[in-house]
PDB file of N, CA and C in Angstrom:
ATOM      1  N   MET A   1       6.985  -9.304  -7.575  1.00  0.00           N
ATOM      2  CA  MET A   1       5.886  -8.590  -8.191  1.00  0.00           C
ATOM      3  C   MET A   1       6.255  -7.115  -8.318  1.00  0.00           C
ATOM      4  N   ASP A   2       5.963  -6.546  -9.440  1.00  0.00           N
ATOM      5  CA  ASP A   2       6.184  -5.134  -9.703  1.00  0.00           C
ATOM      6  C   ASP A   2       5.309  -4.289  -8.769  1.00  0.00           C
ATOM      7  N   PHE A   3       5.845  -3.196  -8.257  1.00  0.00           N
ATOM      8  CA  PHE A   3       5.113  -2.339  -7.328  1.00  0.00           C
ATOM      9  C   PHE A   3       3.774  -1.893  -7.902  1.00  0.00           C
ATOM     10  N   PHE A   4       3.759  -1.446  -9.140  1.00  0.00           N
ATOM     11  CA  PHE A   4       2.526  -0.927  -9.738  1.00  0.00           C
ATOM     12  C   PHE A   4       1.479  -2.022  -9.931  1.00  0.00           C
ATOM     13  N   GLN A   5       1.921  -3.223 -10.222  1.00  0.00           N
ATOM     14  CA  GLN A   5       0.966  -4.327 -10.307  1.00  0.00           C
ATOM     15  C   GLN A   5       0.371  -4.618  -8.925  1.00  0.00           C
ATOM     16  N   GLY A   6       1.161  -4.425  -7.884  1.00  0.00           N
ATOM     17  CA  GLY A   6       0.700  -4.663  -6.528  1.00  0.00           C
ATOM     18  C   GLY A   6      -0.345  -3.668  -6.041  1.00  0.00           C
ATOM     19  N   ILE A   7      -0.306  -2.434  -6.567  1.00  0.00           N
ATOM     20  CA  ILE A   7      -1.268  -1.422  -6.125  1.00  0.00           C
ATOM     21  C   ILE A   7      -2.407  -1.218  -7.117  1.00  0.00           C
ATOM     22  N   LYS A   8      -2.364  -1.912  -8.240  1.00  0.00           N
ATOM     23  CA  LYS A   8      -3.310  -1.694  -9.336  1.00  0.00           C
ATOM     24  C   LYS A   8      -4.768  -1.668  -8.883  1.00  0.00           C
ATOM     25  N   ASP A   9      -5.143  -2.561  -8.003  1.00  0.00           N
ATOM     26  CA  ASP A   9      -6.536  -2.639  -7.556  1.00  0.00           C
ATOM     27  C   ASP A   9      -6.890  -1.576  -6.521  1.00  0.00           C
ATOM     28  N   HIS A  10      -5.906  -0.785  -6.104  1.00  0.00           N
ATOM     29  CA  HIS A  10      -6.137   0.226  -5.069  1.00  0.00           C
ATOM     30  C   HIS A  10      -5.955   1.655  -5.596  1.00  0.00           C
ATOM     31  N   VAL A  11      -5.820   1.798  -6.910  1.00  0.00           N
ATOM     32  CA  VAL A  11      -5.663   3.132  -7.500  1.00  0.00           C
ATOM     33  C   VAL A  11      -7.040   3.779  -7.622  1.00  0.00           C
ATOM     34  N   LEU A  12      -7.133   4.996  -7.138  1.00  0.00           N
ATOM     35  CA  LEU A  12      -8.367   5.779  -7.207  1.00  0.00           C
ATOM     36  C   LEU A  12      -8.292   6.664  -8.450  1.00  0.00           C
ATOM     37  N   TRP A  13      -8.712   6.128  -9.576  1.00  0.00           N
ATOM     38  CA  TRP A  13      -8.563   6.833 -10.860  1.00  0.00           C
ATOM     39  C   TRP A  13      -9.397   8.102 -10.932  1.00  0.00           C
ATOM     40  N   ASP A  14     -10.449   8.184 -10.128  1.00  0.00           N
ATOM     41  CA  ASP A  14     -11.313   9.360 -10.157  1.00  0.00           C
ATOM     42  C   ASP A  14     -10.982  10.358  -9.048  1.00  0.00           C
ATOM     43  N   PHE A  15      -9.834  10.214  -8.411  1.00  0.00           N
ATOM     44  CA  PHE A  15      -9.428  11.088  -7.307  1.00  0.00           C
ATOM     45  C   PHE A  15      -9.326  12.537  -7.770  1.00  0.00           C
ATOM     46  N   CYS A  16      -9.811  13.452  -6.918  1.00  0.00           N
ATOM     47  CA  CYS A  16      -9.757  14.887  -7.197  1.00  0.00           C
ATOM     48  C   CYS A  16      -9.253  15.588  -5.938  1.00  0.00           C
ATOM     49  N   LEU A  17      -8.158  16.312  -6.054  1.00  0.00           N
ATOM     50  CA  LEU A  17      -7.580  16.998  -4.902  1.00  0.00           C
ATOM     51  C   LEU A  17      -8.583  17.930  -4.227  1.00  0.00           C
ATOM     52  N   GLU A  18      -9.376  18.609  -5.003  1.00  0.00           N
ATOM     53  CA  GLU A  18     -10.339  19.569  -4.464  1.00  0.00           C
ATOM     54  C   GLU A  18     -11.348  18.909  -3.519  1.00  0.00           C
ATOM     55  N   ASP A  19     -11.665  17.656  -3.770  1.00  0.00           N
ATOM     56  CA  ASP A  19     -12.663  16.945  -2.968  1.00  0.00           C
ATOM     57  C   ASP A  19     -12.083  16.147  -1.814  1.00  0.00           C
ATOM     58  N   GLU A  20     -10.768  16.142  -1.673  1.00  0.00           N
ATOM     59  CA  GLU A  20     -10.146  15.239  -0.705  1.00  0.00           C
ATOM     60  C   GLU A  20     -10.698  15.388   0.714  1.00  0.00           C
ATOM     61  N   PHE A  21     -10.925  16.590   1.185  1.00  0.00           N
ATOM     62  CA  PHE A  21     -11.369  16.778   2.558  1.00  0.00           C
ATOM     63  C   PHE A  21     -12.843  17.168   2.650  1.00  0.00           C
ATOM     64  N   LYS A  22     -13.567  17.074   1.546  1.00  0.00           N
ATOM     65  CA  LYS A  22     -14.985  17.424   1.525  1.00  0.00           C
ATOM     66  C   LYS A  22     -15.895  16.228   1.781  1.00  0.00           C
ATOM     67  N   CYS A  23     -15.393  15.049   1.572  1.00  0.00           N
ATOM     68  CA  CYS A  23     -16.230  13.865   1.731  1.00  0.00           C
ATOM     69  C   CYS A  23     -15.438  12.778   2.450  1.00  0.00           C
ATOM     70  N   THR A  24     -16.036  11.636   2.614  1.00  0.00           N
ATOM     71  CA  THR A  24     -15.380  10.523   3.280  1.00  0.00           C
ATOM     72  C   THR A  24     -14.125  10.130   2.508  1.00  0.00           C
ATOM     73  N   ARG A  25     -13.028  10.064   3.232  1.00  0.00           N
ATOM     74  CA  ARG A  25     -11.759   9.693   2.597  1.00  0.00           C
ATOM     75  C   ARG A  25     -11.762   8.214   2.212  1.00  0.00           C
ATOM     76  N   ARG A  26     -11.244   7.961   1.049  1.00  0.00           N
ATOM     77  CA  ARG A  26     -11.059   6.583   0.599  1.00  0.00           C
ATOM     78  C   ARG A  26      -9.565   6.293   0.646  1.00  0.00           C
ATOM     79  N   ASN A  27      -9.190   5.230   1.282  1.00  0.00           N
ATOM     80  CA  ASN A  27      -7.787   4.840   1.307  1.00  0.00           C
ATOM     81  C   ASN A  27      -7.395   4.286  -0.053  1.00  0.00           C
ATOM     82  N   GLY A  28      -6.174   4.547  -0.448  1.00  0.00           N
ATOM     83  CA  GLY A  28      -5.684   4.023  -1.708  1.00  0.00           C
ATOM     84  C   GLY A  28      -4.568   4.886  -2.250  1.00  0.00           C
ATOM     85  N   TYR A  29      -4.421   4.828  -3.556  1.00  0.00           N
ATOM     86  CA  TYR A  29      -3.367   5.555  -4.247  1.00  0.00           C
ATOM     87  C   TYR A  29      -3.976   6.359  -5.388  1.00  0.00           C
ATOM     88  N   ALA A  30      -3.405   7.510  -5.623  1.00  0.00           N
ATOM     89  CA  ALA A  30      -3.803   8.338  -6.757  1.00  0.00           C
ATOM     90  C   ALA A  30      -2.524   8.905  -7.357  1.00  0.00           C
ATOM     91  N   PHE A  31      -2.659   9.500  -8.491  1.00  0.00           N
ATOM     92  CA  PHE A  31      -1.525  10.156  -9.127  1.00  0.00           C
ATOM     93  C   PHE A  31      -1.835  11.631  -9.249  1.00  0.00           C
ATOM     94  N   VAL A  32      -0.822  12.459  -9.027  1.00  0.00           N
ATOM     95  CA  VAL A  32      -0.953  13.900  -9.131  1.00  0.00           C
ATOM     96  C   VAL A  32       0.267  14.444  -9.866  1.00  0.00           C
ATOM     97  N   VAL A  33       0.142  15.677 -10.330  1.00  0.00           N
ATOM     98  CA  VAL A  33       1.279  16.388 -10.900  1.00  0.00           C
ATOM     99  C   VAL A  33       1.797  17.307  -9.803  1.00  0.00           C
ATOM    100  N   ASP A  34       3.039  17.140  -9.441  1.00  0.00           N
ATOM    101  CA  ASP A  34       3.674  17.936  -8.398  1.00  0.00           C
ATOM    102  C   ASP A  34       4.595  18.942  -9.076  1.00  0.00           C
ATOM    103  N   VAL A  35       4.253  20.222  -8.970  1.00  0.00           N
ATOM    104  CA  VAL A  35       5.098  21.267  -9.538  1.00  0.00           C
ATOM    105  C   VAL A  35       5.945  21.832  -8.412  1.00  0.00           C
ATOM    106  N   CYS A  36       7.235  21.740  -8.578  1.00  0.00           N
ATOM    107  CA  CYS A  36       8.175  22.254  -7.587  1.00  0.00           C
ATOM    108  C   CYS A  36       9.379  22.826  -8.328  1.00  0.00           C
ATOM    109  N   GLY A  37       9.712  24.059  -8.034  1.00  0.00           N
ATOM    110  CA  GLY A  37      10.852  24.685  -8.702  1.00  0.00           C
ATOM    111  C   GLY A  37      10.649  24.788 -10.201  1.00  0.00           C
ATOM    112  N   GLN A  38       9.430  25.075 -10.621  1.00  0.00           N
ATOM    113  CA  GLN A  38       9.045  25.261 -12.022  1.00  0.00           C
ATOM    114  C   GLN A  38       9.171  23.985 -12.863  1.00  0.00           C
ATOM    115  N   LYS A  39       9.203  22.843 -12.183  1.00  0.00           N
ATOM    116  CA  LYS A  39       9.312  21.568 -12.897  1.00  0.00           C
ATOM    117  C   LYS A  39       8.148  20.664 -12.505  1.00  0.00           C
ATOM    118  N   PRO A  40       7.337  20.244 -13.479  1.00  0.00           N
ATOM    119  CA  PRO A  40       6.250  19.316 -13.167  1.00  0.00           C
ATOM    120  C   PRO A  40       6.760  17.883 -13.140  1.00  0.00           C
ATOM    121  N   ARG A  41       6.312  17.137 -12.136  1.00  0.00           N
ATOM    122  CA  ARG A  41       6.706  15.732 -12.011  1.00  0.00           C
ATOM    123  C   ARG A  41       5.470  14.917 -11.626  1.00  0.00           C
ATOM    124  N   LEU A  42       5.382  13.735 -12.162  1.00  0.00           N
ATOM    125  CA  LEU A  42       4.308  12.828 -11.782  1.00  0.00           C
ATOM    126  C   LEU A  42       4.652  12.239 -10.419  1.00  0.00           C
ATOM    127  N   ALA A  43       3.669  12.238  -9.527  1.00  0.00           N
ATOM    128  CA  ALA A  43       3.894  11.720  -8.177  1.00  0.00           C
ATOM    129  C   ALA A  43       2.764  10.786  -7.785  1.00  0.00           C
ATOM    130  N   LEU A  44       3.101   9.825  -6.959  1.00  0.00           N
ATOM    131  CA  LEU A  44       2.121   8.922  -6.385  1.00  0.00           C
ATOM    132  C   LEU A  44       1.620   9.565  -5.092  1.00  0.00           C
ATOM    133  N   TYR A  45       0.318   9.637  -4.935  1.00  0.00           N
ATOM    134  CA  TYR A  45      -0.322  10.243  -3.769  1.00  0.00           C
ATOM    135  C   TYR A  45      -0.919   9.108  -2.951  1.00  0.00           C
ATOM    136  N   MET A  46      -0.356   8.884  -1.775  1.00  0.00           N
ATOM    137  CA  MET A  46      -0.806   7.800  -0.913  1.00  0.00           C
ATOM    138  C   MET A  46      -1.800   8.355   0.098  1.00  0.00           C
ATOM    139  N   ILE A  47      -2.968   7.742   0.185  1.00  0.00           N
ATOM    140  CA  ILE A  47      -4.044   8.255   1.020  1.00  0.00           C
ATOM    141  C   ILE A  47      -4.401   7.207   2.076  1.00  0.00           C
ATOM    142  N   LYS A  48      -4.295   7.612   3.324  1.00  0.00           N
ATOM    143  CA  LYS A  48      -4.682   6.776   4.464  1.00  0.00           C
ATOM    144  C   LYS A  48      -5.735   7.534   5.262  1.00  0.00           C
ATOM    145  N   ASP A  49      -6.247   6.940   6.326  1.00  0.00           N
ATOM    146  CA  ASP A  49      -7.296   7.580   7.118  1.00  0.00           C
ATOM    147  C   ASP A  49      -6.913   8.983   7.594  1.00  0.00           C
ATOM    148  N   ARG A  50      -5.727   9.123   8.127  1.00  0.00           N
ATOM    149  CA  ARG A  50      -5.316  10.415   8.686  1.00  0.00           C
ATOM    150  C   ARG A  50      -3.985  10.899   8.118  1.00  0.00           C
ATOM    151  N   LEU A  51      -3.666  10.473   6.930  1.00  0.00           N
ATOM    152  CA  LEU A  51      -2.374  10.807   6.354  1.00  0.00           C
ATOM    153  C   LEU A  51      -2.460  10.808   4.837  1.00  0.00           C
ATOM    154  N   SER A  52      -1.832  11.786   4.240  1.00  0.00           N
ATOM    155  CA  SER A  52      -1.630  11.799   2.790  1.00  0.00           C
ATOM    156  C   SER A  52      -0.184  12.205   2.555  1.00  0.00           C
ATOM    157  N   LYS A  53       0.450  11.578   1.598  1.00  0.00           N
ATOM    158  CA  LYS A  53       1.808  11.997   1.257  1.00  0.00           C
ATOM    159  C   LYS A  53       2.074  11.690  -0.207  1.00  0.00           C
ATOM    160  N   THR A  54       2.980  12.447  -0.774  1.00  0.00           N
ATOM    161  CA  THR A  54       3.331  12.228  -2.170  1.00  0.00           C
ATOM    162  C   THR A  54       4.761  11.712  -2.267  1.00  0.00           C
ATOM    163  N   GLN A  55       4.977  10.944  -3.310  1.00  0.00           N
ATOM    164  CA  GLN A  55       6.312  10.456  -3.639  1.00  0.00           C
ATOM    165  C   GLN A  55       6.493  10.612  -5.138  1.00  0.00           C
ATOM    166  N   THR A  56       7.419  11.453  -5.534  1.00  0.00           N
ATOM    167  CA  THR A  56       7.689  11.646  -6.953  1.00  0.00           C
ATOM    168  C   THR A  56       8.214  10.360  -7.558  1.00  0.00           C
ATOM    169  N   LEU A  57       7.724  10.029  -8.727  1.00  0.00           N
ATOM    170  CA  LEU A  57       8.187   8.816  -9.400  1.00  0.00           C
ATOM    171  C   LEU A  57       9.595   9.003  -9.939  1.00  0.00           C
ATOM    172  N   GLN A  58      10.283   7.916 -10.123  1.00  0.00           N
ATOM    173  CA  GLN A  58      11.642   7.941 -10.664  1.00  0.00           C
ATOM    174  C   GLN A  58      11.644   8.508 -12.082  1.00  0.00           C
ATOM    175  N   ASP A  59      12.796   9.000 -12.514  1.00  0.00           N
ATOM    176  CA  ASP A  59      12.917   9.586 -13.859  1.00  0.00           C
ATOM    177  C   ASP A  59      12.436   8.633 -14.949  1.00  0.00           C
ATOM    178  N   LYS A  60      12.778   7.361 -14.837  1.00  0.00           N
ATOM    179  CA  LYS A  60      12.403   6.396 -15.881  1.00  0.00           C
ATOM    180  C   LYS A  60      10.902   6.124 -15.897  1.00  0.00           C
ATOM    181  N   GLN A  61      10.190   6.551 -14.859  1.00  0.00           N
ATOM    182  CA  GLN A  61       8.740   6.344 -14.774  1.00  0.00           C
ATOM    183  C   GLN A  61       7.948   7.611 -15.104  1.00  0.00           C
ATOM    184  N   GLN A  62       8.645   8.668 -15.478  1.00  0.00           N
ATOM    185  CA  GLN A  62       7.994   9.943 -15.778  1.00  0.00           C
ATOM    186  C   GLN A  62       7.476   9.976 -17.219  1.00  0.00           C
ATOM    187  N   PRO A  63       6.281  10.534 -17.412  1.00  0.00           N
ATOM    188  CA  PRO A  63       5.771  10.714 -18.777  1.00  0.00           C
ATOM    189  C   PRO A  63       6.487  11.894 -19.435  1.00  0.00           C
ATOM    190  N   PRO A  64       6.281  12.098 -20.722  1.00  0.00           N
ATOM    191  CA  PRO A  64       6.855  13.275 -21.375  1.00  0.00           C
ATOM    192  C   PRO A  64       6.389  14.556 -20.663  1.00  0.00           C
ATOM    193  N   GLU A  65       7.303  15.488 -20.489  1.00  0.00           N
ATOM    194  CA  GLU A  65       7.005  16.713 -19.741  1.00  0.00           C
ATOM    195  C   GLU A  65       5.829  17.497 -20.323  1.00  0.00           C
ATOM    196  N   GLU A  66       5.676  17.471 -21.639  1.00  0.00           N
ATOM    197  CA  GLU A  66       4.581  18.235 -22.245  1.00  0.00           C
ATOM    198  C   GLU A  66       3.209  17.726 -21.780  1.00  0.00           C
ATOM    199  N   LEU A  67       3.091  16.433 -21.466  1.00  0.00           N
ATOM    200  CA  LEU A  67       1.831  15.907 -20.938  1.00  0.00           C
ATOM    201  C   LEU A  67       1.541  16.470 -19.544  1.00  0.00           C
ATOM    202  N   LEU A  68       2.566  16.593 -18.742  1.00  0.00           N
ATOM    203  CA  LEU A  68       2.415  17.152 -17.396  1.00  0.00           C
ATOM    204  C   LEU A  68       2.059  18.631 -17.458  1.00  0.00           C
ATOM    205  N   VAL A  69       2.736  19.365 -18.311  1.00  0.00           N
ATOM    206  CA  VAL A  69       2.467  20.798 -18.469  1.00  0.00           C
ATOM    207  C   VAL A  69       1.030  21.010 -18.920  1.00  0.00           C
ATOM    208  N   ARG A  70       0.581  20.224 -19.880  1.00  0.00           N
ATOM    209  CA  ARG A  70      -0.789  20.360 -20.382  1.00  0.00           C
ATOM    210  C   ARG A  70      -1.807  20.122 -19.264  1.00  0.00           C
ATOM    211  N   ALA A  71      -1.577  19.115 -18.421  1.00  0.00           N
ATOM    212  CA  ALA A  71      -2.496  18.833 -17.319  1.00  0.00           C
ATOM    213  C   ALA A  71      -2.559  20.015 -16.347  1.00  0.00           C
ATOM    214  N   VAL A  72      -1.427  20.616 -16.058  1.00  0.00           N
ATOM    215  CA  VAL A  72      -1.386  21.779 -15.159  1.00  0.00           C
ATOM    216  C   VAL A  72      -2.129  22.959 -15.790  1.00  0.00           C
ATOM    217  N   GLU A  73      -1.843  23.237 -17.050  1.00  0.00           N
ATOM    218  CA  GLU A  73      -2.460  24.378 -17.728  1.00  0.00           C
ATOM    219  C   GLU A  73      -3.961  24.215 -17.877  1.00  0.00           C
ATOM    220  N   GLU A  74      -4.443  22.993 -18.101  1.00  0.00           N
ATOM    221  CA  GLU A  74      -5.882  22.743 -18.228  1.00  0.00           C
ATOM    222  C   GLU A  74      -6.630  23.117 -16.954  1.00  0.00           C
ATOM    223  N   GLN A  75      -5.933  23.122 -15.815  1.00  0.00           N
ATOM    224  CA  GLN A  75      -6.556  23.451 -14.534  1.00  0.00           C
ATOM    225  C   GLN A  75      -6.314  24.900 -14.127  1.00  0.00           C
ATOM    226  N   GLY A  76      -5.780  25.676 -15.060  1.00  0.00           N
ATOM    227  CA  GLY A  76      -5.526  27.083 -14.778  1.00  0.00           C
ATOM    228  C   GLY A  76      -4.254  27.326 -14.001  1.00  0.00           C
ATOM    229  N   GLY A  77      -3.432  26.316 -13.861  1.00  0.00           N
ATOM    230  CA  GLY A  77      -2.173  26.453 -13.139  1.00  0.00           C
ATOM    231  C   GLY A  77      -1.046  26.856 -14.062  1.00  0.00           C
ATOM    232  N   ASN A  78       0.097  27.114 -13.476  1.00  0.00           N
ATOM    233  CA  ASN A  78       1.292  27.392 -14.264  1.00  0.00           C
ATOM    234  C   ASN A  78       2.507  26.904 -13.484  1.00  0.00           C
ATOM    235  N   LEU A  79       3.618  26.876 -14.144  1.00  0.00           N
ATOM    236  CA  LEU A  79       4.834  26.319 -13.539  1.00  0.00           C
ATOM    237  C   LEU A  79       5.534  27.304 -12.614  1.00  0.00           C
ATOM    238  N   GLN A  80       5.021  28.511 -12.506  1.00  0.00           N
ATOM    239  CA  GLN A  80       5.643  29.521 -11.642  1.00  0.00           C
ATOM    240  C   GLN A  80       5.245  29.344 -10.174  1.00  0.00           C
ATOM    241  N   ARG A  81       4.232  28.525  -9.922  1.00  0.00           N
ATOM    242  CA  ARG A  81       3.726  28.353  -8.560  1.00  0.00           C
ATOM    243  C   ARG A  81       3.795  26.879  -8.157  1.00  0.00           C
ATOM    244  N   ASP A  82       4.515  26.589  -7.091  1.00  0.00           N
ATOM    245  CA  ASP A  82       4.589  25.222  -6.587  1.00  0.00           C
ATOM    246  C   ASP A  82       3.208  24.806  -6.087  1.00  0.00           C
ATOM    247  N   ASN A  83       2.764  23.652  -6.531  1.00  0.00           N
ATOM    248  CA  ASN A  83       1.437  23.186  -6.153  1.00  0.00           C
ATOM    249  C   ASN A  83       1.263  21.748  -6.629  1.00  0.00           C
ATOM    250  N   LEU A  84       0.206  21.104  -6.155  1.00  0.00           N
ATOM    251  CA  LEU A  84      -0.205  19.799  -6.658  1.00  0.00           C
ATOM    252  C   LEU A  84      -1.418  19.990  -7.549  1.00  0.00           C
ATOM    253  N   TYR A  85      -1.472  19.211  -8.627  1.00  0.00           N
ATOM    254  CA  TYR A  85      -2.573  19.276  -9.580  1.00  0.00           C
ATOM    255  C   TYR A  85      -3.055  17.866  -9.877  1.00  0.00           C
ATOM    256  N   ASP A  86      -4.342  17.760 -10.209  1.00  0.00           N
ATOM    257  CA  ASP A  86      -4.893  16.478 -10.632  1.00  0.00           C
ATOM    258  C   ASP A  86      -4.306  16.075 -11.974  1.00  0.00           C
ATOM    259  N   ILE A  87      -4.289  14.776 -12.232  1.00  0.00           N
ATOM    260  CA  ILE A  87      -3.911  14.315 -13.564  1.00  0.00           C
ATOM    261  C   ILE A  87      -5.136  14.453 -14.467  1.00  0.00           C
ATOM    262  N   ASN A  88      -4.908  14.453 -15.763  1.00  0.00           N
ATOM    263  CA  ASN A  88      -6.025  14.511 -16.715  1.00  0.00           C
ATOM    264  C   ASN A  88      -6.169  13.142 -17.398  1.00  0.00           C
ATOM    265  N   GLU A  89      -7.114  13.045 -18.307  1.00  0.00           N
ATOM    266  CA  GLU A  89      -7.374  11.760 -18.977  1.00  0.00           C
ATOM    267  C   GLU A  89      -6.159  11.290 -19.783  1.00  0.00           C
ATOM    268  N   THR A  90      -5.444  12.213 -20.399  1.00  0.00           N
ATOM    269  CA  THR A  90      -4.255  11.839 -21.175  1.00  0.00           C
ATOM    270  C   THR A  90      -3.214  11.160 -20.282  1.00  0.00           C
ATOM    271  N   LEU A  91      -3.020  11.684 -19.082  1.00  0.00           N
ATOM    272  CA  LEU A  91      -2.069  11.052 -18.164  1.00  0.00           C
ATOM    273  C   LEU A  91      -2.601   9.723 -17.636  1.00  0.00           C
ATOM    274  N   ARG A  92      -3.905   9.609 -17.429  1.00  0.00           N
ATOM    275  CA  ARG A  92      -4.478   8.318 -17.008  1.00  0.00           C
ATOM    276  C   ARG A  92      -4.177   7.242 -18.053  1.00  0.00           C
ATOM    277  N   VAL A  93      -4.388   7.587 -19.310  1.00  0.00           N
ATOM    278  CA  VAL A  93      -4.109   6.643 -20.394  1.00  0.00           C
ATOM    279  C   VAL A  93      -2.624   6.299 -20.409  1.00  0.00           C
ATOM    280  N   TRP A  94      -1.767   7.305 -20.277  1.00  0.00           N
ATOM    281  CA  TRP A  94      -0.322   7.082 -20.294  1.00  0.00           C
ATOM    282  C   TRP A  94       0.067   6.133 -19.137  1.00  0.00           C
ATOM    283  N   LEU A  95      -0.470   6.379 -17.957  1.00  0.00           N
ATOM    284  CA  LEU A  95      -0.164   5.523 -16.805  1.00  0.00           C
ATOM    285  C   LEU A  95      -0.583   4.084 -17.058  1.00  0.00           C
ATOM    286  N   ARG A  96      -1.794   3.896 -17.547  1.00  0.00           N
ATOM    287  CA  ARG A  96      -2.288   2.535 -17.800  1.00  0.00           C
ATOM    288  C   ARG A  96      -1.432   1.817 -18.840  1.00  0.00           C
ATOM    289  N   GLU A  97      -1.007   2.534 -19.862  1.00  0.00           N
ATOM    290  CA  GLU A  97      -0.210   1.920 -20.925  1.00  0.00           C
ATOM    291  C   GLU A  97       1.236   1.694 -20.555  1.00  0.00           C
ATOM    292  N   ASN A  98       1.779   2.536 -19.656  1.00  0.00           N
ATOM    293  CA  ASN A  98       3.216   2.479 -19.378  1.00  0.00           C
ATOM    294  C   ASN A  98       3.593   1.902 -18.013  1.00  0.00           C
ATOM    295  N   LEU A  99       2.749   2.040 -17.025  1.00  0.00           N
ATOM    296  CA  LEU A  99       3.090   1.517 -15.707  1.00  0.00           C
ATOM    297  C   LEU A  99       2.220   0.353 -15.256  1.00  0.00           C
ATOM    298  N   PHE A 100       1.040   0.211 -15.859  1.00  0.00           N
ATOM    299  CA  PHE A 100       0.113  -0.832 -15.419  1.00  0.00           C
ATOM    300  C   PHE A 100      -0.167  -1.866 -16.505  1.00  0.00           C
ATOM    301  N   GLN A 101       0.613  -1.875 -17.564  1.00  0.00           N
ATOM    302  CA  GLN A 101       0.395  -2.863 -18.618  1.00  0.00           C
ATOM    303  C   GLN A 101       0.732  -4.253 -18.103  1.00  0.00           C
ATOM    304  N   GLY A 102       0.090  -5.218 -18.697  1.00  0.00           N
ATOM    305  CA  GLY A 102       0.410  -6.605 -18.363  1.00  0.00           C
ATOM    306  C   GLY A 102      -0.381  -7.195 -17.297  1.00  0.00           C
TER     307      GLY A 102
END
């Protein structure tokens, strides 16, 4: 079974980094844009009761860079500052069509 098909029912599509520690944590997976060294990368954000960690997706699983840049800029971010950013609707659609199809 493909990894993404295995986690499909546990993806928190409405996840927001800003709210992560403000309310009851939900275990599951989310996607974020990880900017490091002025390069945006799509990353899987794994959420457990007392642990969160990110894992950058492989190159072949990355969306076009302009989609990542747009998501960062929409949130007032820029590539000059290393940070995590929420994905936007365009990236949600891209993920569903490219990693969760079938």
